[in-house]
PDB file of N, CA and C in Angstrom:
ATOM      1  N   UNK A   1     -17.239 141.597 121.814  1.00  0.00           N
ATOM      2  CA  UNK A   1     -15.932 142.763 122.357  1.00  0.00           C
ATOM      3  C   UNK A   1     -16.051 144.304 121.848  1.00  0.00           C
ATOM      4  N   UNK A   2     -16.755 144.215 120.491  1.00  0.00           N
ATOM      5  CA  UNK A   2     -16.983 145.123 119.620  1.00  0.00           C
ATOM      6  C   UNK A   2     -18.042 145.981 120.661  1.00  0.00           C
ATOM      7  N   UNK A   3     -18.908 145.761 121.365  1.00  0.00           N
ATOM      8  CA  UNK A   3     -19.803 146.782 122.321  1.00  0.00           C
ATOM      9  C   UNK A   3     -18.871 147.563 123.301  1.00  0.00           C
ATOM     10  N   UNK A   4     -18.087 146.309 123.926  1.00  0.00           N
ATOM     11  CA  UNK A   4     -16.976 147.104 125.185  1.00  0.00           C
ATOM     12  C   UNK A   4     -16.293 148.244 124.348  1.00  0.00           C
ATOM     13  N   UNK A   5     -15.804 148.023 123.145  1.00  0.00           N
ATOM     14  CA  UNK A   5     -14.965 149.052 122.592  1.00  0.00           C
ATOM     15  C   UNK A   5     -15.918 150.481 122.208  1.00  0.00           C
ATOM     16  N   UNK A   6     -16.991 150.446 121.899  1.00  0.00           N
ATOM     17  CA  UNK A   6     -17.612 150.966 121.442  1.00  0.00           C
ATOM     18  C   UNK A   6     -18.400 151.843 122.756  1.00  0.00           C
ATOM     19  N   UNK A   7     -18.825 151.313 123.932  1.00  0.00           N
ATOM     20  CA  UNK A   7     -19.150 151.887 125.174  1.00  0.00           C
ATOM     21  C   UNK A   7     -18.128 152.711 125.974  1.00  0.00           C
ATOM     22  N   UNK A   8     -16.793 151.937 125.758  1.00  0.00           N
ATOM     23  CA  UNK A   8     -15.743 152.505 126.604  1.00  0.00           C
ATOM     24  C   UNK A   8     -15.285 153.972 125.500  1.00  0.00           C
ATOM     25  N   UNK A   9     -15.687 153.585 124.421  1.00  0.00           N
ATOM     26  CA  UNK A   9     -15.211 155.507 123.559  1.00  0.00           C
ATOM     27  C   UNK A   9     -16.031 156.354 123.678  1.00  0.00           C
ATOM     28  N   UNK A  10     -17.902 155.789 123.638  1.00  0.00           N
ATOM     29  CA  UNK A  10     -18.546 156.619 124.009  1.00  0.00           C
ATOM     30  C   UNK A  10     -18.482 157.360 125.762  1.00  0.00           C
ATOM     31  N   UNK A  11     -18.232 156.504 126.578  1.00  0.00           N
ATOM     32  CA  UNK A  11     -18.124 157.036 128.048  1.00  0.00           C
ATOM     33  C   UNK A  11     -16.450 158.384 128.001  1.00  0.00           C
ATOM     34  N   UNK A  12     -15.024 157.732 127.109  1.00  0.00           N
ATOM     35  CA  UNK A  12     -14.239 158.422 127.701  1.00  0.00           C
ATOM     36  C   UNK A  12     -14.645 159.991 126.673  1.00  0.00           C
ATOM     37  N   UNK A  13     -15.155 159.587 125.658  1.00  0.00           N
ATOM     38  CA  UNK A  13     -15.218 160.771 124.741  1.00  0.00           C
ATOM     39  C   UNK A  13     -16.227 161.690 125.595  1.00  0.00           C
ATOM     40  N   UNK A  14     -17.198 161.474 125.962  1.00  0.00           N
ATOM     41  CA  UNK A  14     -17.787 162.540 127.099  1.00  0.00           C
ATOM     42  C   UNK A  14     -17.184 162.706 127.807  1.00  0.00           C
ATOM     43  N   UNK A  15     -16.489 162.180 128.842  1.00  0.00           N
ATOM     44  CA  UNK A  15     -15.528 162.411 129.808  1.00  0.00           C
ATOM     45  C   UNK A  15     -14.575 163.245 129.692  1.00  0.00           C
ATOM     46  N   UNK A  16     -13.766 163.016 128.109  1.00  0.00           N
ATOM     47  CA  UNK A  16     -12.948 164.461 128.254  1.00  0.00           C
ATOM     48  C   UNK A  16     -13.207 165.601 127.286  1.00  0.00           C
ATOM     49  N   UNK A  17     -14.741 165.207 126.905  1.00  0.00           N
ATOM     50  CA  UNK A  17     -15.289 166.443 125.891  1.00  0.00           C
ATOM     51  C   UNK A  17     -15.912 167.741 126.899  1.00  0.00           C
ATOM     52  N   UNK A  18     -17.144 167.048 127.709  1.00  0.00           N
ATOM     53  CA  UNK A  18     -17.831 167.918 128.381  1.00  0.00           C
ATOM     54  C   UNK A  18     -17.831 167.826 130.162  1.00  0.00           C
ATOM     55  N   UNK A  19     -17.334 166.252 130.169  1.00  0.00           N
ATOM     56  CA  UNK A  19     -17.240 165.731 131.830  1.00  0.00           C
ATOM     57  C   UNK A  19     -18.638 164.644 131.674  1.00  0.00           C
ATOM     58  N   UNK A  20     -18.707 164.304 132.595  1.00  0.00           N
ATOM     59  CA  UNK A  20     -19.696 163.086 132.658  1.00  0.00           C
ATOM     60  C   UNK A  20     -20.719 163.675 133.626  1.00  0.00           C
ATOM     61  N   UNK A  21     -20.767 165.113 133.928  1.00  0.00           N
ATOM     62  CA  UNK A  21     -21.713 165.548 134.637  1.00  0.00           C
ATOM     63  C   UNK A  21     -23.418 165.300 133.935  1.00  0.00           C
ATOM     64  N   UNK A  22     -24.409 165.105 134.463  1.00  0.00           N
ATOM     65  CA  UNK A  22     -25.781 164.895 133.290  1.00  0.00           C
ATOM     66  C   UNK A  22     -25.482 163.555 133.055  1.00  0.00           C
ATOM     67  N   UNK A  23     -24.436 162.924 132.852  1.00  0.00           N
ATOM     68  CA  UNK A  23     -24.724 161.563 132.261  1.00  0.00           C
ATOM     69  C   UNK A  23     -25.307 160.729 133.281  1.00  0.00           C
ATOM     70  N   UNK A  24     -25.903 159.591 132.424  1.00  0.00           N
ATOM     71  CA  UNK A  24     -26.775 158.777 133.174  1.00  0.00           C
ATOM     72  C   UNK A  24     -26.335 157.085 133.020  1.00  0.00           C
ATOM     73  N   UNK A  25     -25.502 156.276 133.524  1.00  0.00           N
ATOM     74  CA  UNK A  25     -25.687 155.183 133.225  1.00  0.00           C
ATOM     75  C   UNK A  25     -26.485 153.850 133.134  1.00  0.00           C
ATOM     76  N   UNK A  26     -26.986 153.682 132.524  1.00  0.00           N
ATOM     77  CA  UNK A  26     -27.936 152.180 133.124  1.00  0.00           C
ATOM     78  C   UNK A  26     -27.611 151.136 133.232  1.00  0.00           C
ATOM     79  N   UNK A  27     -27.056 150.473 133.919  1.00  0.00           N
ATOM     80  CA  UNK A  27     -26.168 149.165 134.062  1.00  0.00           C
ATOM     81  C   UNK A  27     -27.436 148.317 134.201  1.00  0.00           C
ATOM     82  N   UNK A  28     -26.756 146.830 133.812  1.00  0.00           N
ATOM     83  CA  UNK A  28     -27.755 145.415 134.180  1.00  0.00           C
ATOM     84  C   UNK A  28     -27.510 144.857 135.992  1.00  0.00           C
ATOM     85  N   UNK A  29     -28.531 145.187 136.843  1.00  0.00           N
ATOM     86  CA  UNK A  29     -28.238 144.990 138.015  1.00  0.00           C
ATOM     87  C   UNK A  29     -29.084 143.620 138.489  1.00  0.00           C
ATOM     88  N   UNK A  30     -29.122 142.900 138.843  1.00  0.00           N
ATOM     89  CA  UNK A  30     -29.763 141.585 139.029  1.00  0.00           C
ATOM     90  C   UNK A  30     -30.255 142.231 140.703  1.00  0.00           C
ATOM     91  N   UNK A  31     -31.769 141.770 141.102  1.00  0.00           N
ATOM     92  CA  UNK A  31     -32.442 142.156 141.887  1.00  0.00           C
ATOM     93  C   UNK A  31     -32.874 143.325 141.878  1.00  0.00           C
ATOM     94  N   UNK A  32     -32.155 144.367 141.250  1.00  0.00           N
ATOM     95  CA  UNK A  32     -32.847 145.830 140.888  1.00  0.00           C
ATOM     96  C   UNK A  32     -34.185 145.595 140.476  1.00  0.00           C
ATOM     97  N   UNK A  33     -35.076 146.646 140.608  1.00  0.00           N
ATOM     98  CA  UNK A  33     -36.017 146.675 140.253  1.00  0.00           C
ATOM     99  C   UNK A  33     -35.876 146.683 138.220  1.00  0.00           C
ATOM    100  N   UNK A  34     -36.556 146.276 137.835  1.00  0.00           N
ATOM    101  CA  UNK A  34     -36.620 145.558 135.999  1.00  0.00           C
ATOM    102  C   UNK A  34     -35.084 145.178 136.007  1.00  0.00           C
ATOM    103  N   UNK A  35     -34.160 144.856 136.969  1.00  0.00           N
ATOM    104  CA  UNK A  35     -32.487 144.521 136.782  1.00  0.00           C
ATOM    105  C   UNK A  35     -32.149 145.412 136.181  1.00  0.00           C
ATOM    106  N   UNK A  36     -32.212 146.566 136.511  1.00  0.00           N
ATOM    107  CA  UNK A  36     -31.892 147.719 136.236  1.00  0.00           C
ATOM    108  C   UNK A  36     -31.178 148.548 137.016  1.00  0.00           C
ATOM    109  N   UNK A  37     -29.833 149.402 137.007  1.00  0.00           N
ATOM    110  CA  UNK A  37     -29.591 150.061 138.066  1.00  0.00           C
ATOM    111  C   UNK A  37     -29.123 151.531 137.236  1.00  0.00           C
ATOM    112  N   UNK A  38     -29.412 152.965 138.000  1.00  0.00           N
ATOM    113  CA  UNK A  38     -29.105 153.893 137.400  1.00  0.00           C
ATOM    114  C   UNK A  38     -27.667 154.880 137.277  1.00  0.00           C
ATOM    115  N   UNK A  39     -26.500 154.765 137.191  1.00  0.00           N
ATOM    116  CA  UNK A  39     -25.459 155.473 138.280  1.00  0.00           C
ATOM    117  C   UNK A  39     -25.049 157.136 137.041  1.00  0.00           C
ATOM    118  N   UNK A  40     -24.812 157.512 138.537  1.00  0.00           N
ATOM    119  CA  UNK A  40     -24.874 159.362 137.429  1.00  0.00           C
ATOM    120  C   UNK A  40     -23.146 158.970 137.094  1.00  0.00           C
ATOM    121  N   UNK A  41     -22.723 160.049 136.422  1.00  0.00           N
ATOM    122  CA  UNK A  41     -21.484 160.173 135.338  1.00  0.00           C
ATOM    123  C   UNK A  41     -20.653 160.642 136.267  1.00  0.00           C
ATOM    124  N   UNK A  42     -21.300 161.638 137.235  1.00  0.00           N
ATOM    125  CA  UNK A  42     -20.170 162.251 138.246  1.00  0.00           C
ATOM    126  C   UNK A  42     -19.975 161.526 139.566  1.00  0.00           C
ATOM    127  N   UNK A  43     -20.516 160.290 139.338  1.00  0.00           N
ATOM    128  CA  UNK A  43     -20.148 159.202 140.498  1.00  0.00           C
ATOM    129  C   UNK A  43     -19.035 158.710 140.091  1.00  0.00           C
ATOM    130  N   UNK A  44     -18.734 158.484 138.785  1.00  0.00           N
ATOM    131  CA  UNK A  44     -17.816 157.629 137.862  1.00  0.00           C
ATOM    132  C   UNK A  44     -16.392 157.954 138.262  1.00  0.00           C
ATOM    133  N   UNK A  45     -15.786 157.092 139.274  1.00  0.00           N
ATOM    134  CA  UNK A  45     -13.822 157.716 139.162  1.00  0.00           C
ATOM    135  C   UNK A  45     -12.977 157.340 137.906  1.00  0.00           C
ATOM    136  N   UNK A  46     -13.458 156.145 137.347  1.00  0.00           N
ATOM    137  CA  UNK A  46     -12.238 156.227 136.541  1.00  0.00           C
ATOM    138  C   UNK A  46     -13.265 155.045 135.571  1.00  0.00           C
ATOM    139  N   UNK A  47     -12.845 155.015 134.421  1.00  0.00           N
ATOM    140  CA  UNK A  47     -13.196 154.701 133.417  1.00  0.00           C
ATOM    141  C   UNK A  47     -11.946 153.311 132.566  1.00  0.00           C
ATOM    142  N   UNK A  48     -12.028 152.498 132.243  1.00  0.00           N
ATOM    143  CA  UNK A  48     -10.801 151.712 131.985  1.00  0.00           C
ATOM    144  C   UNK A  48     -11.649 150.939 130.688  1.00  0.00           C
ATOM    145  N   UNK A  49     -10.685 149.947 129.664  1.00  0.00           N
ATOM    146  CA  UNK A  49     -11.049 149.180 129.172  1.00  0.00           C
ATOM    147  C   UNK A  49     -12.393 148.411 129.096  1.00  0.00           C
ATOM    148  N   UNK A  50     -12.072 147.560 130.119  1.00  0.00           N
ATOM    149  CA  UNK A  50     -13.030 146.454 130.511  1.00  0.00           C
ATOM    150  C   UNK A  50     -13.965 146.810 131.360  1.00  0.00           C
ATOM    151  N   UNK A  51     -13.766 147.876 132.445  1.00  0.00           N
ATOM    152  CA  UNK A  51     -14.818 148.053 133.901  1.00  0.00           C
ATOM    153  C   UNK A  51     -14.889 149.595 133.769  1.00  0.00           C
ATOM    154  N   UNK A  52     -15.511 150.162 134.945  1.00  0.00           N
ATOM    155  CA  UNK A  52     -15.455 151.665 135.122  1.00  0.00           C
ATOM    156  C   UNK A  52     -15.760 151.760 136.463  1.00  0.00           C
ATOM    157  N   UNK A  53     -15.455 152.327 137.523  1.00  0.00           N
ATOM    158  CA  UNK A  53     -15.451 152.466 138.794  1.00  0.00           C
ATOM    159  C   UNK A  53     -15.915 153.221 139.504  1.00  0.00           C
ATOM    160  N   UNK A  54     -17.313 153.304 140.353  1.00  0.00           N
ATOM    161  CA  UNK A  54     -18.247 153.893 140.737  1.00  0.00           C
ATOM    162  C   UNK A  54     -18.109 153.307 142.229  1.00  0.00           C
ATOM    163  N   UNK A  55     -17.468 154.375 143.194  1.00  0.00           N
ATOM    164  CA  UNK A  55     -17.313 154.051 144.331  1.00  0.00           C
ATOM    165  C   UNK A  55     -16.317 153.204 144.932  1.00  0.00           C
ATOM    166  N   UNK A  56     -15.931 152.451 145.327  1.00  0.00           N
ATOM    167  CA  UNK A  56     -14.627 150.696 145.466  1.00  0.00           C
ATOM    168  C   UNK A  56     -15.682 150.201 144.691  1.00  0.00           C
ATOM    169  N   UNK A  57     -16.277 150.290 143.758  1.00  0.00           N
ATOM    170  CA  UNK A  57     -17.341 148.996 143.028  1.00  0.00           C
ATOM    171  C   UNK A  57     -16.653 148.992 141.667  1.00  0.00           C
ATOM    172  N   UNK A  58     -16.073 148.206 140.895  1.00  0.00           N
ATOM    173  CA  UNK A  58     -15.531 147.584 139.526  1.00  0.00           C
ATOM    174  C   UNK A  58     -16.732 147.078 138.627  1.00  0.00           C
ATOM    175  N   UNK A  59     -17.571 147.753 137.649  1.00  0.00           N
ATOM    176  CA  UNK A  59     -18.474 147.695 136.975  1.00  0.00           C
ATOM    177  C   UNK A  59     -18.285 147.550 135.265  1.00  0.00           C
ATOM    178  N   UNK A  60     -18.243 145.696 134.771  1.00  0.00           N
ATOM    179  CA  UNK A  60     -17.952 145.526 133.882  1.00  0.00           C
ATOM    180  C   UNK A  60     -19.040 146.202 133.085  1.00  0.00           C
ATOM    181  N   UNK A  61     -17.942 146.358 131.897  1.00  0.00           N
ATOM    182  CA  UNK A  61     -18.463 147.283 130.809  1.00  0.00           C
ATOM    183  C   UNK A  61     -19.566 146.584 129.872  1.00  0.00           C
ATOM    184  N   UNK A  62     -19.683 145.517 130.179  1.00  0.00           N
ATOM    185  CA  UNK A  62     -21.202 144.558 129.610  1.00  0.00           C
ATOM    186  C   UNK A  62     -22.248 144.508 130.078  1.00  0.00           C
ATOM    187  N   UNK A  63     -21.985 144.992 131.157  1.00  0.00           N
ATOM    188  CA  UNK A  63     -23.313 145.115 131.805  1.00  0.00           C
ATOM    189  C   UNK A  63     -24.321 146.747 131.633  1.00  0.00           C
ATOM    190  N   UNK A  64     -23.221 147.359 131.013  1.00  0.00           N
ATOM    191  CA  UNK A  64     -23.822 148.668 130.486  1.00  0.00           C
ATOM    192  C   UNK A  64     -25.021 148.699 129.655  1.00  0.00           C
ATOM    193  N   UNK A  65     -26.068 148.919 129.578  1.00  0.00           N
ATOM    194  CA  UNK A  65     -27.154 148.721 128.657  1.00  0.00           C
ATOM    195  C   UNK A  65     -27.337 149.841 127.979  1.00  0.00           C
ATOM    196  N   UNK A  66     -27.525 151.225 128.336  1.00  0.00           N
ATOM    197  CA  UNK A  66     -27.553 152.354 127.919  1.00  0.00           C
ATOM    198  C   UNK A  66     -27.135 153.622 128.970  1.00  0.00           C
ATOM    199  N   UNK A  67     -26.551 154.800 127.821  1.00  0.00           N
ATOM    200  CA  UNK A  67     -25.839 155.807 128.315  1.00  0.00           C
ATOM    201  C   UNK A  67     -26.664 157.242 127.744  1.00  0.00           C
ATOM    202  N   UNK A  68     -26.840 157.873 128.897  1.00  0.00           N
ATOM    203  CA  UNK A  68     -27.927 159.123 128.367  1.00  0.00           C
ATOM    204  C   UNK A  68     -27.153 160.265 128.978  1.00  0.00           C
ATOM    205  N   UNK A  69     -27.138 161.456 127.959  1.00  0.00           N
ATOM    206  CA  UNK A  69     -26.808 162.508 128.601  1.00  0.00           C
ATOM    207  C   UNK A  69     -27.789 164.082 128.495  1.00  0.00           C
ATOM    208  N   UNK A  70     -28.290 164.620 129.782  1.00  0.00           N
ATOM    209  CA  UNK A  70     -29.108 165.129 129.402  1.00  0.00           C
ATOM    210  C   UNK A  70     -30.395 164.505 129.039  1.00  0.00           C
ATOM    211  N   UNK A  71     -31.022 163.412 129.514  1.00  0.00           N
ATOM    212  CA  UNK A  71     -32.088 162.929 129.295  1.00  0.00           C
ATOM    213  C   UNK A  71     -32.099 162.259 127.603  1.00  0.00           C
ATOM    214  N   UNK A  72     -31.093 162.657 126.474  1.00  0.00           N
ATOM    215  CA  UNK A  72     -31.119 161.855 125.601  1.00  0.00           C
ATOM    216  C   UNK A  72     -29.813 160.569 125.568  1.00  0.00           C
ATOM    217  N   UNK A  73     -30.681 159.685 124.867  1.00  0.00           N
ATOM    218  CA  UNK A  73     -29.985 158.642 124.327  1.00  0.00           C
ATOM    219  C   UNK A  73     -28.448 158.869 123.675  1.00  0.00           C
ATOM    220  N   UNK A  74     -27.363 158.590 124.205  1.00  0.00           N
ATOM    221  CA  UNK A  74     -26.013 158.665 123.404  1.00  0.00           C
ATOM    222  C   UNK A  74     -25.660 157.003 122.652  1.00  0.00           C
ATOM    223  N   UNK A  75     -25.869 156.352 123.552  1.00  0.00           N
ATOM    224  CA  UNK A  75     -25.354 154.694 123.091  1.00  0.00           C
ATOM    225  C   UNK A  75     -26.440 153.747 123.921  1.00  0.00           C
ATOM    226  N   UNK A  76     -27.008 152.926 123.131  1.00  0.00           N
ATOM    227  CA  UNK A  76     -27.804 152.103 123.849  1.00  0.00           C
ATOM    228  C   UNK A  76     -27.429 150.579 123.082  1.00  0.00           C
ATOM    229  N   UNK A  77     -27.578 149.445 123.895  1.00  0.00           N
ATOM    230  CA  UNK A  77     -27.107 148.182 123.830  1.00  0.00           C
ATOM    231  C   UNK A  77     -28.065 147.577 123.239  1.00  0.00           C
ATOM    232  N   UNK A  78     -27.493 146.697 121.731  1.00  0.00           N
ATOM    233  CA  UNK A  78     -28.751 146.374 121.029  1.00  0.00           C
ATOM    234  C   UNK A  78     -28.424 144.700 121.222  1.00  0.00           C
ATOM    235  N   UNK A  79     -30.073 144.023 120.728  1.00  0.00           N
ATOM    236  CA  UNK A  79     -29.286 142.862 120.365  1.00  0.00           C
ATOM    237  C   UNK A  79     -30.008 141.636 121.613  1.00  0.00           C
ATOM    238  N   UNK A  80     -29.644 140.973 122.328  1.00  0.00           N
ATOM    239  CA  UNK A  80     -29.853 140.553 123.583  1.00  0.00           C
ATOM    240  C   UNK A  80     -30.332 140.530 124.613  1.00  0.00           C
ATOM    241  N   UNK A  81     -31.637 139.715 124.644  1.00  0.00           N
ATOM    242  CA  UNK A  81     -32.611 140.448 126.377  1.00  0.00           C
ATOM    243  C   UNK A  81     -31.522 139.795 127.695  1.00  0.00           C
ATOM    244  N   UNK A  82     -31.967 140.636 128.321  1.00  0.00           N
ATOM    245  CA  UNK A  82     -31.204 140.378 129.738  1.00  0.00           C
ATOM    246  C   UNK A  82     -32.135 138.858 130.369  1.00  0.00           C
TER     247      UNK A  82
END
């Protein structure tokens, strides 16, 4: 639960401070190379407490593994392997 709150706060602050341009959100995506997929922040239309909206897809925040801004890691999920 704490992880979801932390990533929500990071994304929300980025959104309201500078916008999500230049932000990369790396998610767990089974079947993709390395089980990872990169979503560009400017493609995110909504951020909710438990998911974000990308196109018409709702992506649960627990799938987010890393958030980068202009190539710099802002937040990274530590802990268990996928």
